[in-house]
Protein backbone atom coordinates (compact mmCIF):
# COMPACT_ATOMS: atom_id res chain seq x y z
CA MET A 1 11.31 -5.62 -1.62
CA GLY A 2 13.20 -2.39 -2.07
CA GLN A 3 12.43 1.31 -2.50
CA TYR A 4 11.91 3.11 -5.79
CA LEU A 5 11.42 6.83 -6.43
CA HIS A 6 8.87 7.65 -9.16
CA ASN A 7 6.53 10.45 -10.21
CA ILE A 8 2.79 10.51 -10.68
CA ASP A 9 1.88 11.96 -14.08
CA ASP A 10 -0.86 14.52 -14.70
CA LYS A 11 -3.40 11.73 -15.31
CA GLY A 12 -2.72 10.01 -11.97
CA ARG A 13 -0.63 7.22 -13.47
CA ILE A 14 2.43 5.72 -11.89
CA ILE A 15 4.92 3.17 -13.16
CA ILE A 16 5.32 0.18 -10.89
CA PRO A 17 8.93 -1.02 -11.23
CA ALA A 18 9.38 -4.17 -13.32
CA LYS A 19 11.12 -5.92 -10.43
CA LEU A 20 7.96 -5.55 -8.33
CA ARG A 21 5.57 -6.19 -11.23
CA GLU A 22 7.06 -9.52 -12.24
CA LYS A 23 5.08 -11.46 -9.62
CA LEU A 24 1.80 -9.68 -10.32
CA SER A 25 -0.89 -10.39 -12.88
CA SER A 26 -2.27 -7.69 -15.17
CA LYS A 27 -4.77 -6.59 -12.48
CA VAL A 28 -4.11 -5.51 -8.90
CA VAL A 29 -6.07 -3.89 -6.07
CA VAL A 30 -5.03 -0.54 -4.57
CA THR A 31 -6.55 0.74 -1.36
CA LYS A 32 -5.89 3.07 1.54
CA GLY A 33 -3.00 1.71 3.57
CA PHE A 34 -1.80 2.31 7.09
CA ASP A 35 0.41 5.17 8.27
CA GLY A 36 -0.58 7.40 5.34
CA CYS A 37 0.36 5.24 2.35
CA LEU A 38 -1.52 3.31 -0.31
CA SER A 39 -1.39 -0.50 -0.39
CA LEU A 40 -1.25 -2.43 -3.64
CA PHE A 41 -2.13 -6.14 -3.55
CA SER A 42 -2.06 -8.92 -6.11
CA LEU A 43 -5.54 -10.37 -6.59
CA ASP A 44 -4.54 -13.47 -4.58
CA GLU A 45 -3.20 -11.40 -1.69
CA TRP A 46 -6.27 -9.16 -1.80
CA ASN A 47 -8.49 -12.24 -1.48
CA LYS A 48 -6.46 -13.40 1.56
CA PHE A 49 -6.73 -9.91 3.05
CA GLN A 50 -10.50 -9.86 2.50
CA THR A 51 -10.76 -13.24 4.25
CA SER A 52 -9.00 -11.76 7.28
CA LEU A 53 -11.45 -8.84 7.22
CA LEU A 54 -14.40 -11.25 7.10
CA ALA A 55 -13.11 -12.81 10.32
CA LEU A 56 -13.54 -9.52 12.19
CA PRO A 57 -16.63 -9.24 14.43
CA ALA A 58 -19.23 -7.38 12.33
CA ASN A 59 -21.10 -6.39 15.48
CA THR A 60 -18.34 -4.01 16.61
CA MET A 61 -18.13 -0.44 15.39
CA ASP A 62 -14.32 -0.53 15.05
CA ALA A 63 -14.45 -3.60 12.78
CA ARG A 64 -17.15 -2.02 10.61
CA LYS A 65 -15.16 1.22 10.27
CA HIS A 66 -11.99 -0.69 9.44
CA VAL A 67 -13.65 -2.80 6.75
CA ARG A 68 -15.62 0.08 5.24
CA VAL A 69 -12.58 2.31 4.85
CA LEU A 70 -10.29 -0.39 3.44
CA VAL A 71 -12.80 -2.05 1.13
CA GLY A 72 -14.68 1.13 0.29
CA SER A 73 -11.53 2.86 -0.91
CA ALA A 74 -10.26 -0.17 -2.88
CA ASN A 75 -9.96 -0.06 -6.66
CA GLU A 76 -9.12 -2.88 -9.03
CA VAL A 77 -6.72 -1.48 -11.60
CA GLU A 78 -4.98 -2.86 -14.67
CA PHE A 79 -1.42 -2.31 -15.85
CA ASP A 80 -1.02 -0.59 -19.20
CA LYS A 81 1.68 -1.53 -21.73
CA GLN A 82 4.21 0.75 -19.99
CA GLY A 83 3.67 -0.90 -16.60
CA ARG A 84 1.59 1.97 -15.22
CA ILE A 85 -1.53 1.91 -13.11
CA ASN A 86 -4.02 4.74 -12.76
CA LEU A 87 -4.68 5.86 -9.19
CA SER A 88 -7.95 7.57 -8.30
CA ASN A 89 -7.92 11.17 -7.10
CA ASN A 90 -9.53 9.97 -3.88
CA LEU A 91 -6.61 7.65 -3.11
CA LEU A 92 -3.96 10.18 -4.18
CA GLN A 93 -5.46 12.92 -2.02
CA GLY A 94 -5.87 10.58 0.95
CA ALA A 95 -2.17 9.70 0.81
CA SER A 96 -1.05 13.31 0.10
CA ILE A 97 0.58 12.19 -3.15
CA THR A 98 0.96 15.01 -5.65
CA LYS A 99 4.07 14.31 -7.74
CA GLU A 100 7.06 12.51 -6.22
CA CYS A 101 6.35 9.21 -4.55
CA VAL A 102 8.22 6.23 -3.15
CA ILE A 103 7.19 2.69 -4.04
CA VAL A 104 8.17 0.15 -1.38
CA GLY A 105 8.04 -3.63 -1.61
CA VAL A 106 6.70 -4.92 1.74
CA LEU A 107 6.37 -8.72 1.88
CA ASN A 108 2.84 -9.43 0.58
CA ARG A 109 2.05 -5.97 -0.80
CA ILE A 110 3.51 -2.86 -2.38
CA GLU A 111 3.15 0.47 -0.62
CA ILE A 112 2.99 3.82 -2.39
CA TRP A 113 3.97 6.87 -0.32
CA SER A 114 4.31 10.56 -0.93
CA LYS A 115 8.07 11.20 -0.87
CA GLU A 116 7.76 13.69 1.98
CA MET A 117 5.74 11.34 4.17
CA TRP A 118 8.00 8.37 3.40
CA ASP A 119 11.17 10.32 4.24
CA LYS A 120 9.77 11.33 7.63
CA TYR A 121 8.33 7.89 8.38
CA TYR A 122 11.54 6.09 7.36
CA GLU A 123 13.73 8.39 9.44
CA ASP A 124 11.52 7.95 12.52
CA ALA A 125 11.28 4.16 12.04
CA SER A 126 15.03 3.85 11.46
CA ASP A 127 15.81 5.79 14.62
CA SER A 128 13.86 3.27 16.73
CA LEU A 129 14.69 0.09 14.79
CA GLU A 130 16.54 -1.71 17.60
CA GLU A 131 13.95 -0.76 20.23
CA VAL A 132 11.07 -2.00 18.05
CA ALA A 133 12.97 -5.20 17.16
CA GLU A 134 13.37 -5.95 20.86
CA LYS A 135 9.64 -5.40 21.51
CA LEU A 136 8.74 -7.74 18.63
CA SER A 137 11.28 -10.45 19.52
CA GLY A 138 8.60 -12.87 20.81
CA TYR A 139 6.43 -12.75 17.69
CA GLY A 140 6.68 -15.18 14.79
CA ASN A 141 8.87 -17.70 16.61
């Protein structure tokens, strides 16, 4: 959990904060996320996520698109000694990340956002927090 401001270096590397890294192994999976971010999963969480994707009906176009984009853009990456991972140009461009980014701990994954996109998203989401909470009140109980 939490938000951390970091920079991408010229080689596409980013430091994942130690507090978020402590529950991860040396390898993780990064893929295109929702709402314009990247999603980083532990290998165990990625396997759970893939299982949920396998449950989608393969005979529907929407399911095929969803799976192809998420799995097709996924990369298994390894932490270096400084706690950095290397993000592909494809993923960085898709998330509009050029330099400053925000790393957000979100339950079973870590999200990586361009700072500009995160600031806008967070402001919009914060403005409607109570309204959304009311709409979601019946879920998870």
